[in-house]
């Protein structure tokens, strides 16, 4: 934005402020009502943002992103995941449980083994898009998975 444009914008703001102070009390009240109506949101939009924030909260742990990355192509049990991801078994189980509760992962039991799989492909798409863009922007070397 050029300096001339900034100056014009400031001048318009000053004129609008001056006009607002000259309004009658009824006009001022009506103007305030309009602002309140514009700032109130549809409850469905608020709920959408809450759900999105919860999904981002779940996805905010690097360990969970690594788990999702490992499960993109096939289901795996905890032992297989531990071979690919450097962490402890209790830590892995805690993150798997969080992803399961968030309905991102599904699980099935086969004997004593529990196998995990992705059940929410939208999460994989979201992770892939974000991670690929970060890799591109950061010019990170190596293979980009997900």
C-alpha atoms as a PDB file:
ATOM      1  CA  UNK A   1       0.000   0.000   0.000  1.00  0.00           C
ATOM      2  CA  UNK A   2       1.434   3.383  -0.999  1.00  0.00           C
ATOM      3  CA  UNK A   3       1.815   6.255   1.444  1.00  0.00           C
ATOM      4  CA  UNK A   4      -0.814   8.209  -0.493  1.00  0.00           C
ATOM      5  CA  UNK A   5      -3.300   5.336  -0.035  1.00  0.00           C
ATOM      6  CA  UNK A   6      -2.579   5.169   3.690  1.00  0.00           C
ATOM      7  CA  UNK A   7      -3.138   8.916   3.994  1.00  0.00           C
ATOM      8  CA  UNK A   8      -6.463   8.639   2.122  1.00  0.00           C
ATOM      9  CA  UNK A   9      -7.558   5.765   4.366  1.00  0.00           C
ATOM     10  CA  UNK A  10      -6.730   7.789   7.488  1.00  0.00           C
ATOM     11  CA  UNK A  11      -8.646  10.776   6.122  1.00  0.00           C
ATOM     12  CA  UNK A  12     -11.719   8.618   5.409  1.00  0.00           C
ATOM     13  CA  UNK A  13     -11.529   7.165   8.925  1.00  0.00           C
ATOM     14  CA  UNK A  14     -11.380  10.687  10.408  1.00  0.00           C
ATOM     15  CA  UNK A  15     -14.418  11.798   8.372  1.00  0.00           C
ATOM     16  CA  UNK A  16     -16.369   8.700   9.415  1.00  0.00           C
ATOM     17  CA  UNK A  17     -15.472   9.326  13.072  1.00  0.00           C
ATOM     18  CA  UNK A  18     -16.578  12.961  12.813  1.00  0.00           C
ATOM     19  CA  UNK A  19     -19.892  11.920  11.220  1.00  0.00           C
ATOM     20  CA  UNK A  20     -20.488   9.371  13.959  1.00  0.00           C
ATOM     21  CA  UNK A  21     -20.143  12.042  16.656  1.00  0.00           C
ATOM     22  CA  UNK A  22     -22.759  14.226  14.883  1.00  0.00           C
ATOM     23  CA  UNK A  23     -25.414  11.506  14.749  1.00  0.00           C
ATOM     24  CA  UNK A  24     -28.528  11.701  16.880  1.00  0.00           C
ATOM     25  CA  UNK A  25     -28.783   9.324  19.859  1.00  0.00           C
ATOM     26  CA  UNK A  26     -31.237   7.143  17.883  1.00  0.00           C
ATOM     27  CA  UNK A  27     -28.868   6.942  14.927  1.00  0.00           C
ATOM     28  CA  UNK A  28     -25.965   6.077  17.242  1.00  0.00           C
ATOM     29  CA  UNK A  29     -28.005   3.296  18.838  1.00  0.00           C
ATOM     30  CA  UNK A  30     -28.951   1.926  15.417  1.00  0.00           C
ATOM     31  CA  UNK A  31     -25.287   1.995  14.321  1.00  0.00           C
ATOM     32  CA  UNK A  32     -24.259   0.050  17.439  1.00  0.00           C
ATOM     33  CA  UNK A  33     -26.966  -2.530  16.780  1.00  0.00           C
ATOM     34  CA  UNK A  34     -25.626  -3.120  13.275  1.00  0.00           C
ATOM     35  CA  UNK A  35     -22.141  -3.765  14.637  1.00  0.00           C
ATOM     36  CA  UNK A  36     -23.458  -6.277  17.179  1.00  0.00           C
ATOM     37  CA  UNK A  37     -25.402  -8.129  14.493  1.00  0.00           C
ATOM     38  CA  UNK A  38     -22.325  -8.348  12.282  1.00  0.00           C
ATOM     39  CA  UNK A  39     -20.121  -9.727  15.062  1.00  0.00           C
ATOM     40  CA  UNK A  40     -22.527 -12.443  16.235  1.00  0.00           C
ATOM     41  CA  UNK A  41     -21.901 -15.755  14.506  1.00  0.00           C
ATOM     42  CA  UNK A  42     -24.017 -18.689  13.521  1.00  0.00           C
ATOM     43  CA  UNK A  43     -23.810 -21.399  16.225  1.00  0.00           C
ATOM     44  CA  UNK A  44     -22.996 -23.938  13.504  1.00  0.00           C
ATOM     45  CA  UNK A  45     -19.933 -21.910  12.515  1.00  0.00           C
ATOM     46  CA  UNK A  46     -18.852 -21.740  16.159  1.00  0.00           C
ATOM     47  CA  UNK A  47     -19.267 -25.508  16.463  1.00  0.00           C
ATOM     48  CA  UNK A  48     -17.259 -26.039  13.266  1.00  0.00           C
ATOM     49  CA  UNK A  49     -14.392 -23.974  14.705  1.00  0.00           C
ATOM     50  CA  UNK A  50     -14.549 -25.938  17.970  1.00  0.00           C
ATOM     51  CA  UNK A  51     -14.306 -29.265  16.113  1.00  0.00           C
ATOM     52  CA  UNK A  52     -11.452 -27.949  13.949  1.00  0.00           C
ATOM     53  CA  UNK A  53      -9.582 -26.666  17.008  1.00  0.00           C
ATOM     54  CA  UNK A  54      -9.962 -30.042  18.717  1.00  0.00           C
ATOM     55  CA  UNK A  55      -8.623 -31.830  15.633  1.00  0.00           C
ATOM     56  CA  UNK A  56      -5.640 -29.461  15.474  1.00  0.00           C
ATOM     57  CA  UNK A  57      -5.054 -30.029  19.210  1.00  0.00           C
ATOM     58  CA  UNK A  58      -4.932 -33.790  18.667  1.00  0.00           C
ATOM     59  CA  UNK A  59      -2.644 -33.345  15.674  1.00  0.00           C
ATOM     60  CA  UNK A  60      -0.309 -30.932  17.485  1.00  0.00           C
ATOM     61  CA  UNK A  61       1.998 -33.662  18.823  1.00  0.00           C
ATOM     62  CA  UNK A  62       4.856 -34.626  16.468  1.00  0.00           C
ATOM     63  CA  UNK A  63       4.652 -38.218  17.744  1.00  0.00           C
ATOM     64  CA  UNK A  64       1.044 -38.481  16.546  1.00  0.00           C
ATOM     65  CA  UNK A  65       2.030 -37.182  13.116  1.00  0.00           C
ATOM     66  CA  UNK A  66       4.760 -39.829  12.961  1.00  0.00           C
ATOM     67  CA  UNK A  67       2.226 -42.515  13.879  1.00  0.00           C
ATOM     68  CA  UNK A  68      -0.183 -41.332  11.187  1.00  0.00           C
ATOM     69  CA  UNK A  69       2.673 -41.302   8.688  1.00  0.00           C
ATOM     70  CA  UNK A  70       3.550 -44.916   9.550  1.00  0.00           C
ATOM     71  CA  UNK A  71      -0.054 -46.040   9.195  1.00  0.00           C
ATOM     72  CA  UNK A  72      -0.783 -44.313   5.870  1.00  0.00           C
ATOM     73  CA  UNK A  73      -0.304 -47.412   3.722  1.00  0.00           C
ATOM     74  CA  UNK A  74      -1.151 -50.320   6.018  1.00  0.00           C
ATOM     75  CA  UNK A  75      -2.256 -51.251   9.485  1.00  0.00           C
ATOM     76  CA  UNK A  76       0.427 -52.102  12.020  1.00  0.00           C
ATOM     77  CA  UNK A  77       0.677 -53.386  15.548  1.00  0.00           C
ATOM     78  CA  UNK A  78       2.450 -51.567  18.370  1.00  0.00           C
ATOM     79  CA  UNK A  79       5.655 -53.603  17.897  1.00  0.00           C
ATOM     80  CA  UNK A  80       5.836 -52.684  14.211  1.00  0.00           C
ATOM     81  CA  UNK A  81       5.270 -49.011  15.020  1.00  0.00           C
ATOM     82  CA  UNK A  82       8.015 -49.122  17.681  1.00  0.00           C
ATOM     83  CA  UNK A  83      10.452 -50.483  15.062  1.00  0.00           C
ATOM     84  CA  UNK A  84       9.840 -47.377  12.954  1.00  0.00           C
ATOM     85  CA  UNK A  85       9.422 -44.711  15.644  1.00  0.00           C
ATOM     86  CA  UNK A  86      11.952 -44.147  18.424  1.00  0.00           C
ATOM     87  CA  UNK A  87       9.892 -43.973  21.610  1.00  0.00           C
ATOM     88  CA  UNK A  88       8.865 -46.099  24.572  1.00  0.00           C
ATOM     89  CA  UNK A  89       5.971 -48.555  24.477  1.00  0.00           C
ATOM     90  CA  UNK A  90       3.958 -46.654  27.146  1.00  0.00           C
ATOM     91  CA  UNK A  91       4.395 -43.371  25.246  1.00  0.00           C
ATOM     92  CA  UNK A  92       3.373 -45.017  21.960  1.00  0.00           C
ATOM     93  CA  UNK A  93       0.301 -46.567  23.589  1.00  0.00           C
ATOM     94  CA  UNK A  94      -0.748 -43.233  25.065  1.00  0.00           C
ATOM     95  CA  UNK A  95      -0.577 -41.493  21.676  1.00  0.00           C
ATOM     96  CA  UNK A  96      -2.352 -44.379  19.930  1.00  0.00           C
ATOM     97  CA  UNK A  97      -5.135 -44.179  22.498  1.00  0.00           C
ATOM     98  CA  UNK A  98      -5.500 -40.417  21.956  1.00  0.00           C
ATOM     99  CA  UNK A  99      -5.767 -40.924  18.184  1.00  0.00           C
ATOM    100  CA  UNK A 100      -8.242 -43.771  18.705  1.00  0.00           C
ATOM    101  CA  UNK A 101     -10.468 -41.678  20.999  1.00  0.00           C
ATOM    102  CA  UNK A 102     -10.381 -38.852  18.446  1.00  0.00           C
ATOM    103  CA  UNK A 103     -11.716 -41.323  15.831  1.00  0.00           C
ATOM    104  CA  UNK A 104      -8.631 -40.915  13.670  1.00  0.00           C
ATOM    105  CA  UNK A 105      -7.470 -44.499  14.193  1.00  0.00           C
ATOM    106  CA  UNK A 106      -9.357 -47.753  14.361  1.00  0.00           C
ATOM    107  CA  UNK A 107      -8.047 -50.906  15.993  1.00  0.00           C
ATOM    108  CA  UNK A 108      -8.607 -54.636  15.925  1.00  0.00           C
ATOM    109  CA  UNK A 109      -7.334 -57.454  18.093  1.00  0.00           C
ATOM    110  CA  UNK A 110      -5.671 -60.525  16.637  1.00  0.00           C
ATOM    111  CA  UNK A 111      -4.615 -62.839  19.458  1.00  0.00           C
ATOM    112  CA  UNK A 112      -2.515 -60.749  21.818  1.00  0.00           C
ATOM    113  CA  UNK A 113      -1.682 -58.152  19.164  1.00  0.00           C
ATOM    114  CA  UNK A 114      -3.682 -54.967  18.550  1.00  0.00           C
ATOM    115  CA  UNK A 115      -3.488 -53.607  15.029  1.00  0.00           C
ATOM    116  CA  UNK A 116      -4.088 -49.912  14.303  1.00  0.00           C
ATOM    117  CA  UNK A 117      -5.256 -48.379  11.034  1.00  0.00           C
ATOM    118  CA  UNK A 118      -6.327 -44.970   9.737  1.00  0.00           C
ATOM    119  CA  UNK A 119     -10.112 -44.562   9.680  1.00  0.00           C
ATOM    120  CA  UNK A 120     -10.238 -40.834   8.970  1.00  0.00           C
ATOM    121  CA  UNK A 121      -8.598 -40.276   5.584  1.00  0.00           C
ATOM    122  CA  UNK A 122      -9.332 -36.532   5.751  1.00  0.00           C
ATOM    123  CA  UNK A 123      -6.807 -36.259   8.570  1.00  0.00           C
ATOM    124  CA  UNK A 124      -4.169 -37.923   6.389  1.00  0.00           C
ATOM    125  CA  UNK A 125      -4.946 -35.494   3.562  1.00  0.00           C
ATOM    126  CA  UNK A 126      -4.706 -32.546   5.946  1.00  0.00           C
ATOM    127  CA  UNK A 127      -1.395 -33.759   7.415  1.00  0.00           C
ATOM    128  CA  UNK A 128       0.010 -34.461   3.968  1.00  0.00           C
ATOM    129  CA  UNK A 129      -0.919 -31.007   2.684  1.00  0.00           C
ATOM    130  CA  UNK A 130       0.548 -29.207   5.696  1.00  0.00           C
ATOM    131  CA  UNK A 131       3.747 -31.266   5.891  1.00  0.00           C
ATOM    132  CA  UNK A 132       4.445 -31.088   2.160  1.00  0.00           C
ATOM    133  CA  UNK A 133       3.943 -27.326   2.163  1.00  0.00           C
ATOM    134  CA  UNK A 134       6.239 -26.917   5.163  1.00  0.00           C
ATOM    135  CA  UNK A 135       8.879 -29.059   3.456  1.00  0.00           C
ATOM    136  CA  UNK A 136       8.600 -26.982   0.289  1.00  0.00           C
ATOM    137  CA  UNK A 137       8.711 -23.671   2.146  1.00  0.00           C
ATOM    138  CA  UNK A 138      11.620 -24.795   4.317  1.00  0.00           C
ATOM    139  CA  UNK A 139      13.412 -26.482   1.426  1.00  0.00           C
ATOM    140  CA  UNK A 140      13.958 -29.515   3.647  1.00  0.00           C
ATOM    141  CA  UNK A 141      16.113 -32.200   2.047  1.00  0.00           C
ATOM    142  CA  UNK A 142      15.053 -35.811   1.796  1.00  0.00           C
ATOM    143  CA  UNK A 143      11.956 -37.767   1.011  1.00  0.00           C
ATOM    144  CA  UNK A 144       8.612 -36.276   2.006  1.00  0.00           C
ATOM    145  CA  UNK A 145       6.214 -38.923   3.212  1.00  0.00           C
ATOM    146  CA  UNK A 146       2.587 -38.992   4.349  1.00  0.00           C
END
